[in-house]
Amino acid sequence: MTSSNKVIAVNRRATYDYEILKRFEAGLVLWSSEIKSIRANRVNLAGAFAHPNKDGLWLHNCHIAPYSEAARNNHEPTRPRKLLLHKKELRDLTKVALQKGHTVVPLKMYISGHYAKVELGIGRGKKHYDKRRSIKDKERLRDARNAEKR
């Protein structure tokens, strides 16, 4: 991802609940009202995940709010959306998504040029003690930054 990309939504909960092993960039198959809502920052990635189907990888539970200006041809807010990936990436992600203990989660959605993109991460679920450790690490970093400012 380059600096010219406009970040629309970030899934902060994903990095708290999962240890991210690898990251991928994927395109989305969208309707016109969906891309207009995305450009208006009306996206929520909380609880979203990607799951393989017989014809590709699909993004589920990603909420894109209905576009207020689209009268009749509006979209369903949480409908599954197809992800566009290279064949090798699709094979790798499909294999990982079917393994026990691993999942494919969207980390952020952004606009790259004229296209909406999703950054996907292969996540392995954290245990409760791992979550406590990450909270302690964040507190230590915050305290160190505050000490530097004084």
N, C-alpha and C. Protein backbone atom coordinates (compact mmCIF):
# COMPACT_ATOMS: atom_id res chain seq x y z
N MET A 1 0.84 -1.17 0.00
CA MET A 1 0.00 0.00 0.00
C MET A 1 0.89 1.24 0.00
N THR A 2 0.67 2.13 -0.93
CA THR A 2 1.47 3.35 -1.00
C THR A 2 0.80 4.46 -0.21
N SER A 3 1.48 5.56 -0.07
CA SER A 3 0.98 6.67 0.72
C SER A 3 -0.17 7.41 0.03
N SER A 4 -0.40 7.19 -1.27
CA SER A 4 -1.46 7.89 -1.98
C SER A 4 -2.83 7.25 -1.78
N ASN A 5 -2.89 6.14 -1.07
CA ASN A 5 -4.15 5.46 -0.83
C ASN A 5 -4.90 6.13 0.32
N LYS A 6 -6.22 6.23 0.16
CA LYS A 6 -7.07 6.82 1.20
C LYS A 6 -7.69 5.69 2.01
N VAL A 7 -7.33 5.60 3.28
CA VAL A 7 -7.85 4.55 4.15
C VAL A 7 -9.29 4.90 4.53
N ILE A 8 -10.19 3.95 4.30
CA ILE A 8 -11.61 4.15 4.57
C ILE A 8 -11.99 3.58 5.93
N ALA A 9 -11.58 2.34 6.21
CA ALA A 9 -11.95 1.68 7.46
C ALA A 9 -10.81 0.79 7.91
N VAL A 10 -10.64 0.69 9.24
CA VAL A 10 -9.62 -0.16 9.83
C VAL A 10 -10.30 -1.08 10.83
N ASN A 11 -9.94 -2.36 10.80
CA ASN A 11 -10.50 -3.34 11.71
C ASN A 11 -9.51 -3.53 12.86
N ARG A 12 -9.61 -2.71 13.89
CA ARG A 12 -8.69 -2.77 15.02
C ARG A 12 -8.89 -4.04 15.84
N ARG A 13 -10.09 -4.51 15.86
CA ARG A 13 -10.40 -5.71 16.66
C ARG A 13 -9.66 -6.93 16.12
N ALA A 14 -9.38 -6.96 14.83
CA ALA A 14 -8.71 -8.11 14.22
C ALA A 14 -7.31 -8.30 14.79
N THR A 15 -6.56 -7.22 14.97
CA THR A 15 -5.21 -7.36 15.50
C THR A 15 -5.22 -7.68 16.99
N TYR A 16 -6.32 -7.40 17.68
CA TYR A 16 -6.44 -7.76 19.09
C TYR A 16 -6.82 -9.24 19.24
N ASP A 17 -7.73 -9.72 18.40
CA ASP A 17 -8.21 -11.10 18.52
C ASP A 17 -7.33 -12.12 17.82
N TYR A 18 -6.57 -11.68 16.81
CA TYR A 18 -5.80 -12.62 15.99
C TYR A 18 -4.33 -12.20 15.92
N GLU A 19 -3.48 -13.19 15.82
CA GLU A 19 -2.08 -12.95 15.49
C GLU A 19 -2.00 -13.01 13.97
N ILE A 20 -1.63 -11.91 13.34
CA ILE A 20 -1.62 -11.82 11.88
C ILE A 20 -0.31 -12.41 11.36
N LEU A 21 -0.42 -13.49 10.56
CA LEU A 21 0.75 -14.19 10.06
C LEU A 21 1.23 -13.65 8.72
N LYS A 22 0.31 -13.30 7.84
CA LYS A 22 0.66 -12.82 6.51
C LYS A 22 -0.44 -11.90 6.00
N ARG A 23 -0.07 -10.95 5.15
CA ARG A 23 -1.03 -9.98 4.63
C ARG A 23 -1.11 -10.06 3.11
N PHE A 24 -2.32 -9.82 2.59
CA PHE A 24 -2.58 -9.84 1.15
C PHE A 24 -3.43 -8.63 0.80
N GLU A 25 -3.35 -8.20 -0.47
CA GLU A 25 -4.22 -7.15 -0.98
C GLU A 25 -5.21 -7.77 -1.96
N ALA A 26 -6.48 -7.41 -1.83
CA ALA A 26 -7.50 -7.97 -2.71
C ALA A 26 -8.43 -6.86 -3.19
N GLY A 27 -8.93 -7.02 -4.40
CA GLY A 27 -9.95 -6.12 -4.93
C GLY A 27 -11.33 -6.64 -4.55
N LEU A 28 -12.34 -5.85 -4.79
CA LEU A 28 -13.72 -6.21 -4.46
C LEU A 28 -14.60 -6.08 -5.69
N VAL A 29 -15.58 -6.96 -5.81
CA VAL A 29 -16.62 -6.82 -6.83
C VAL A 29 -17.77 -6.08 -6.16
N LEU A 30 -18.04 -4.85 -6.62
CA LEU A 30 -19.02 -3.98 -5.96
C LEU A 30 -20.06 -3.48 -6.93
N TRP A 31 -21.21 -3.09 -6.38
CA TRP A 31 -22.23 -2.40 -7.15
C TRP A 31 -21.95 -0.91 -7.07
N SER A 32 -22.57 -0.13 -7.95
CA SER A 32 -22.30 1.31 -8.00
C SER A 32 -22.69 2.01 -6.69
N SER A 33 -23.79 1.62 -6.07
CA SER A 33 -24.18 2.26 -4.82
C SER A 33 -23.22 1.91 -3.69
N GLU A 34 -22.57 0.74 -3.77
CA GLU A 34 -21.62 0.34 -2.73
C GLU A 34 -20.34 1.17 -2.80
N ILE A 35 -19.81 1.40 -3.99
CA ILE A 35 -18.58 2.17 -4.09
C ILE A 35 -18.83 3.62 -3.69
N LYS A 36 -20.02 4.13 -3.95
CA LYS A 36 -20.35 5.49 -3.52
C LYS A 36 -20.42 5.58 -2.01
N SER A 37 -20.96 4.57 -1.36
CA SER A 37 -20.99 4.54 0.11
C SER A 37 -19.59 4.40 0.68
N ILE A 38 -18.76 3.61 0.02
CA ILE A 38 -17.37 3.44 0.48
C ILE A 38 -16.64 4.77 0.39
N ARG A 39 -16.81 5.48 -0.70
CA ARG A 39 -16.15 6.78 -0.84
C ARG A 39 -16.65 7.79 0.19
N ALA A 40 -17.86 7.57 0.72
CA ALA A 40 -18.41 8.43 1.78
C ALA A 40 -18.05 7.92 3.17
N ASN A 41 -17.13 6.97 3.28
CA ASN A 41 -16.65 6.40 4.55
C ASN A 41 -17.75 5.74 5.38
N ARG A 42 -18.66 5.06 4.74
CA ARG A 42 -19.77 4.42 5.46
C ARG A 42 -19.58 2.91 5.46
N VAL A 43 -18.44 2.46 6.03
CA VAL A 43 -18.06 1.05 6.04
C VAL A 43 -17.72 0.63 7.46
N ASN A 44 -18.09 -0.61 7.81
CA ASN A 44 -17.73 -1.17 9.11
C ASN A 44 -17.20 -2.58 8.87
N LEU A 45 -15.94 -2.83 9.27
CA LEU A 45 -15.31 -4.13 9.07
C LEU A 45 -15.37 -5.02 10.31
N ALA A 46 -15.94 -4.54 11.40
CA ALA A 46 -15.99 -5.32 12.63
C ALA A 46 -16.80 -6.60 12.41
N GLY A 47 -16.23 -7.72 12.73
CA GLY A 47 -16.92 -9.00 12.58
C GLY A 47 -16.85 -9.58 11.19
N ALA A 48 -16.17 -8.93 10.27
CA ALA A 48 -16.09 -9.42 8.89
C ALA A 48 -15.03 -10.52 8.79
N PHE A 49 -15.22 -11.40 7.83
CA PHE A 49 -14.27 -12.49 7.58
C PHE A 49 -14.40 -12.91 6.13
N ALA A 50 -13.38 -13.61 5.63
CA ALA A 50 -13.41 -14.13 4.27
C ALA A 50 -13.49 -15.65 4.33
N HIS A 51 -14.31 -16.22 3.46
CA HIS A 51 -14.50 -17.66 3.44
C HIS A 51 -14.54 -18.14 1.99
N PRO A 52 -13.89 -19.28 1.71
CA PRO A 52 -13.90 -19.78 0.33
C PRO A 52 -15.22 -20.40 -0.06
N ASN A 53 -15.53 -20.27 -1.33
CA ASN A 53 -16.69 -20.89 -1.93
C ASN A 53 -16.18 -21.63 -3.16
N LYS A 54 -17.04 -22.32 -3.89
CA LYS A 54 -16.58 -23.07 -5.05
C LYS A 54 -16.04 -22.17 -6.16
N ASP A 55 -16.44 -20.90 -6.18
CA ASP A 55 -15.99 -20.00 -7.25
C ASP A 55 -15.13 -18.85 -6.74
N GLY A 56 -14.49 -18.99 -5.59
CA GLY A 56 -13.57 -17.96 -5.12
C GLY A 56 -13.69 -17.70 -3.63
N LEU A 57 -13.07 -16.62 -3.21
CA LEU A 57 -13.07 -16.20 -1.82
C LEU A 57 -14.07 -15.06 -1.67
N TRP A 58 -14.91 -15.12 -0.64
CA TRP A 58 -15.99 -14.16 -0.45
C TRP A 58 -15.84 -13.46 0.90
N LEU A 59 -16.11 -12.18 0.92
CA LEU A 59 -16.08 -11.38 2.14
C LEU A 59 -17.48 -11.35 2.74
N HIS A 60 -17.60 -11.82 3.97
CA HIS A 60 -18.89 -11.90 4.67
C HIS A 60 -18.92 -10.91 5.82
N ASN A 61 -20.11 -10.44 6.17
CA ASN A 61 -20.38 -9.57 7.31
C ASN A 61 -19.69 -8.21 7.25
N CYS A 62 -19.29 -7.77 6.11
CA CYS A 62 -18.75 -6.42 5.95
C CYS A 62 -19.94 -5.50 5.69
N HIS A 63 -20.16 -4.55 6.59
CA HIS A 63 -21.32 -3.68 6.47
C HIS A 63 -20.96 -2.43 5.68
N ILE A 64 -21.58 -2.28 4.51
CA ILE A 64 -21.47 -1.07 3.70
C ILE A 64 -22.88 -0.46 3.69
N ALA A 65 -23.01 0.70 4.30
CA ALA A 65 -24.32 1.32 4.47
C ALA A 65 -24.97 1.61 3.12
N PRO A 66 -26.30 1.53 3.05
CA PRO A 66 -26.99 1.87 1.80
C PRO A 66 -26.73 3.34 1.42
N TYR A 67 -26.60 3.57 0.13
CA TYR A 67 -26.35 4.92 -0.37
C TYR A 67 -27.66 5.67 -0.40
N SER A 68 -27.71 6.82 0.25
CA SER A 68 -28.98 7.55 0.41
C SER A 68 -29.54 8.08 -0.90
N GLU A 69 -28.69 8.36 -1.88
CA GLU A 69 -29.15 8.92 -3.15
C GLU A 69 -29.66 7.86 -4.13
N ALA A 70 -29.36 6.59 -3.88
CA ALA A 70 -29.82 5.51 -4.77
C ALA A 70 -31.22 5.10 -4.34
N ALA A 71 -32.19 5.38 -5.15
CA ALA A 71 -33.57 5.16 -4.76
C ALA A 71 -33.96 3.68 -4.85
N ARG A 72 -33.95 3.10 -6.07
CA ARG A 72 -34.44 1.74 -6.22
C ARG A 72 -33.33 0.72 -6.30
N ASN A 73 -32.19 1.07 -6.83
CA ASN A 73 -31.13 0.10 -7.06
C ASN A 73 -30.11 0.09 -5.93
N ASN A 74 -30.60 0.13 -4.69
CA ASN A 74 -29.69 0.11 -3.56
C ASN A 74 -29.29 -1.34 -3.26
N HIS A 75 -28.29 -1.50 -2.44
CA HIS A 75 -27.73 -2.82 -2.15
C HIS A 75 -28.08 -3.28 -0.74
N GLU A 76 -27.93 -4.56 -0.51
CA GLU A 76 -28.08 -5.15 0.82
C GLU A 76 -26.80 -4.82 1.60
N PRO A 77 -26.88 -4.25 2.80
CA PRO A 77 -25.67 -3.77 3.50
C PRO A 77 -24.64 -4.86 3.84
N THR A 78 -25.07 -6.06 4.18
CA THR A 78 -24.11 -7.09 4.60
C THR A 78 -24.05 -8.26 3.63
N ARG A 79 -24.35 -8.03 2.39
CA ARG A 79 -24.31 -9.14 1.43
C ARG A 79 -22.87 -9.62 1.23
N PRO A 80 -22.67 -10.91 0.89
CA PRO A 80 -21.31 -11.39 0.60
C PRO A 80 -20.78 -10.74 -0.67
N ARG A 81 -19.49 -10.38 -0.64
CA ARG A 81 -18.86 -9.74 -1.79
C ARG A 81 -17.66 -10.55 -2.23
N LYS A 82 -17.54 -10.76 -3.53
CA LYS A 82 -16.44 -11.56 -4.06
C LYS A 82 -15.14 -10.77 -4.00
N LEU A 83 -14.06 -11.47 -3.61
CA LEU A 83 -12.74 -10.87 -3.55
C LEU A 83 -11.95 -11.25 -4.79
N LEU A 84 -11.21 -10.31 -5.33
CA LEU A 84 -10.42 -10.53 -6.54
C LEU A 84 -8.96 -10.71 -6.15
N LEU A 85 -8.42 -11.89 -6.44
CA LEU A 85 -7.05 -12.24 -6.08
C LEU A 85 -6.37 -12.96 -7.23
N HIS A 86 -5.05 -13.01 -7.19
CA HIS A 86 -4.31 -13.84 -8.14
C HIS A 86 -4.54 -15.31 -7.78
N LYS A 87 -4.39 -16.20 -8.75
CA LYS A 87 -4.67 -17.62 -8.55
C LYS A 87 -3.88 -18.22 -7.39
N LYS A 88 -2.59 -17.90 -7.34
CA LYS A 88 -1.73 -18.46 -6.28
C LYS A 88 -2.18 -17.96 -4.91
N GLU A 89 -2.49 -16.67 -4.81
CA GLU A 89 -2.97 -16.12 -3.54
C GLU A 89 -4.30 -16.75 -3.14
N LEU A 90 -5.18 -16.94 -4.11
CA LEU A 90 -6.47 -17.56 -3.85
C LEU A 90 -6.30 -18.97 -3.33
N ARG A 91 -5.40 -19.74 -3.96
CA ARG A 91 -5.13 -21.10 -3.51
C ARG A 91 -4.60 -21.13 -2.08
N ASP A 92 -3.63 -20.24 -1.79
CA ASP A 92 -3.04 -20.18 -0.45
C ASP A 92 -4.07 -19.79 0.60
N LEU A 93 -4.86 -18.76 0.32
CA LEU A 93 -5.86 -18.31 1.28
C LEU A 93 -6.96 -19.34 1.50
N THR A 94 -7.36 -20.03 0.43
CA THR A 94 -8.38 -21.07 0.55
C THR A 94 -7.88 -22.21 1.43
N LYS A 95 -6.64 -22.60 1.21
CA LYS A 95 -6.06 -23.68 2.01
C LYS A 95 -5.99 -23.29 3.49
N VAL A 96 -5.58 -22.07 3.76
CA VAL A 96 -5.45 -21.60 5.14
C VAL A 96 -6.82 -21.44 5.79
N ALA A 97 -7.80 -20.92 5.05
CA ALA A 97 -9.13 -20.68 5.62
C ALA A 97 -9.80 -21.98 6.04
N LEU A 98 -9.45 -23.08 5.40
CA LEU A 98 -10.07 -24.36 5.74
C LEU A 98 -9.34 -25.09 6.87
N GLN A 99 -8.17 -24.58 7.28
CA GLN A 99 -7.45 -25.18 8.40
C GLN A 99 -8.11 -24.80 9.71
N LYS A 100 -8.04 -25.70 10.68
CA LYS A 100 -8.61 -25.41 11.98
C LYS A 100 -7.71 -24.42 12.71
N GLY A 101 -8.31 -23.41 13.33
CA GLY A 101 -7.56 -22.43 14.10
C GLY A 101 -7.09 -21.23 13.31
N HIS A 102 -7.31 -21.22 12.00
CA HIS A 102 -6.89 -20.09 11.17
C HIS A 102 -8.12 -19.47 10.50
N THR A 103 -8.03 -18.19 10.23
CA THR A 103 -9.10 -17.51 9.52
C THR A 103 -8.51 -16.38 8.68
N VAL A 104 -9.28 -15.91 7.74
CA VAL A 104 -8.87 -14.80 6.89
C VAL A 104 -9.75 -13.61 7.27
N VAL A 105 -9.11 -12.56 7.79
CA VAL A 105 -9.85 -11.40 8.26
C VAL A 105 -9.43 -10.16 7.49
N PRO A 106 -10.37 -9.24 7.21
CA PRO A 106 -10.00 -7.97 6.59
C PRO A 106 -9.41 -7.05 7.64
N LEU A 107 -8.27 -6.45 7.34
CA LEU A 107 -7.60 -5.56 8.28
C LEU A 107 -7.94 -4.10 8.00
N LYS A 108 -8.01 -3.73 6.73
CA LYS A 108 -8.40 -2.37 6.38
C LYS A 108 -8.95 -2.33 4.97
N MET A 109 -9.75 -1.30 4.72
CA MET A 109 -10.29 -1.06 3.38
C MET A 109 -9.83 0.34 2.98
N TYR A 110 -9.40 0.46 1.73
CA TYR A 110 -8.90 1.73 1.25
C TYR A 110 -9.18 1.88 -0.24
N ILE A 111 -9.06 3.12 -0.71
CA ILE A 111 -9.24 3.44 -2.12
C ILE A 111 -7.85 3.60 -2.73
N SER A 112 -7.58 2.83 -3.77
CA SER A 112 -6.31 2.90 -4.49
C SER A 112 -6.63 3.28 -5.93
N GLY A 113 -6.32 4.50 -6.29
CA GLY A 113 -6.70 4.98 -7.61
C GLY A 113 -8.21 5.13 -7.66
N HIS A 114 -8.86 4.38 -8.56
CA HIS A 114 -10.32 4.40 -8.65
C HIS A 114 -10.95 3.16 -8.04
N TYR A 115 -10.14 2.30 -7.44
CA TYR A 115 -10.63 1.00 -6.98
C TYR A 115 -10.62 0.89 -5.47
N ALA A 116 -11.61 0.18 -4.94
CA ALA A 116 -11.64 -0.14 -3.52
C ALA A 116 -10.86 -1.42 -3.31
N LYS A 117 -9.98 -1.42 -2.33
CA LYS A 117 -9.15 -2.59 -2.02
C LYS A 117 -9.33 -2.95 -0.56
N VAL A 118 -9.07 -4.22 -0.26
CA VAL A 118 -9.13 -4.72 1.11
C VAL A 118 -7.79 -5.37 1.42
N GLU A 119 -7.23 -5.04 2.58
CA GLU A 119 -6.03 -5.72 3.04
C GLU A 119 -6.49 -6.88 3.92
N LEU A 120 -6.19 -8.09 3.49
CA LEU A 120 -6.57 -9.30 4.22
C LEU A 120 -5.38 -9.81 5.01
N GLY A 121 -5.67 -10.43 6.13
CA GLY A 121 -4.62 -11.03 6.94
C GLY A 121 -5.00 -12.45 7.31
N ILE A 122 -3.99 -13.33 7.29
CA ILE A 122 -4.20 -14.69 7.78
C ILE A 122 -4.02 -14.62 9.28
N GLY A 123 -5.07 -14.92 10.01
CA GLY A 123 -5.03 -14.79 11.46
C GLY A 123 -5.14 -16.12 12.17
N ARG A 124 -4.37 -16.22 13.24
CA ARG A 124 -4.48 -17.37 14.13
C ARG A 124 -4.99 -16.81 15.46
N GLY A 125 -6.04 -17.39 15.99
CA GLY A 125 -6.67 -16.88 17.19
C GLY A 125 -5.72 -16.82 18.37
N LYS A 126 -5.77 -15.70 19.10
CA LYS A 126 -4.95 -15.54 20.29
C LYS A 126 -5.66 -16.16 21.49
N LYS A 127 -4.87 -16.66 22.41
CA LYS A 127 -5.40 -17.13 23.68
C LYS A 127 -5.59 -15.92 24.59
N HIS A 128 -6.29 -16.12 25.69
CA HIS A 128 -6.58 -15.02 26.61
C HIS A 128 -5.30 -14.41 27.17
N TYR A 129 -4.32 -15.24 27.50
CA TYR A 129 -3.07 -14.71 28.06
C TYR A 129 -2.27 -13.94 27.01
N ASP A 130 -2.41 -14.29 25.73
CA ASP A 130 -1.75 -13.52 24.68
C ASP A 130 -2.34 -12.12 24.59
N LYS A 131 -3.66 -12.00 24.76
CA LYS A 131 -4.32 -10.70 24.71
C LYS A 131 -3.86 -9.83 25.87
N ARG A 132 -3.71 -10.43 27.06
CA ARG A 132 -3.23 -9.66 28.22
C ARG A 132 -1.81 -9.16 27.97
N ARG A 133 -1.00 -10.01 27.35
CA ARG A 133 0.39 -9.62 27.06
C ARG A 133 0.42 -8.46 26.07
N SER A 134 -0.43 -8.49 25.04
CA SER A 134 -0.43 -7.40 24.07
C SER A 134 -0.91 -6.10 24.71
N ILE A 135 -1.84 -6.17 25.66
CA ILE A 135 -2.29 -4.97 26.38
C ILE A 135 -1.15 -4.41 27.20
N LYS A 136 -0.40 -5.27 27.89
CA LYS A 136 0.74 -4.80 28.69
C LYS A 136 1.80 -4.16 27.82
N ASP A 137 2.07 -4.75 26.65
CA ASP A 137 3.07 -4.18 25.74
C ASP A 137 2.65 -2.80 25.26
N LYS A 138 1.36 -2.62 24.94
CA LYS A 138 0.87 -1.32 24.50
C LYS A 138 1.00 -0.29 25.61
N GLU A 139 0.70 -0.70 26.86
CA GLU A 139 0.83 0.22 27.99
C GLU A 139 2.29 0.63 28.20
N ARG A 140 3.21 -0.31 28.05
CA ARG A 140 4.64 0.01 28.20
C ARG A 140 5.09 1.00 27.12
N LEU A 141 4.66 0.79 25.89
CA LEU A 141 5.01 1.72 24.81
C LEU A 141 4.45 3.11 25.07
N ARG A 142 3.21 3.17 25.52
CA ARG A 142 2.58 4.46 25.82
C ARG A 142 3.31 5.17 26.95
N ASP A 143 3.68 4.43 28.02
CA ASP A 143 4.41 5.03 29.13
C ASP A 143 5.77 5.54 28.69
N ALA A 144 6.45 4.77 27.81
CA ALA A 144 7.77 5.18 27.33
C ALA A 144 7.65 6.45 26.49
N ARG A 145 6.62 6.56 25.66
CA ARG A 145 6.42 7.77 24.86
C ARG A 145 6.15 8.98 25.74
N ASN A 146 5.33 8.76 26.77
CA ASN A 146 5.02 9.85 27.69
C ASN A 146 6.26 10.29 28.46
N ALA A 147 7.11 9.35 28.83
CA ALA A 147 8.34 9.69 29.54
C ALA A 147 9.28 10.49 28.65
N GLU A 148 9.32 10.18 27.35
CA GLU A 148 10.17 10.92 26.42
C GLU A 148 9.68 12.36 26.26
N LYS A 149 8.40 12.57 26.31
CA LYS A 149 7.84 13.90 26.12
C LYS A 149 8.15 14.81 27.31
N ARG A 150 8.35 14.24 28.50
CA ARG A 150 8.61 15.07 29.69
C ARG A 150 9.99 15.62 29.72
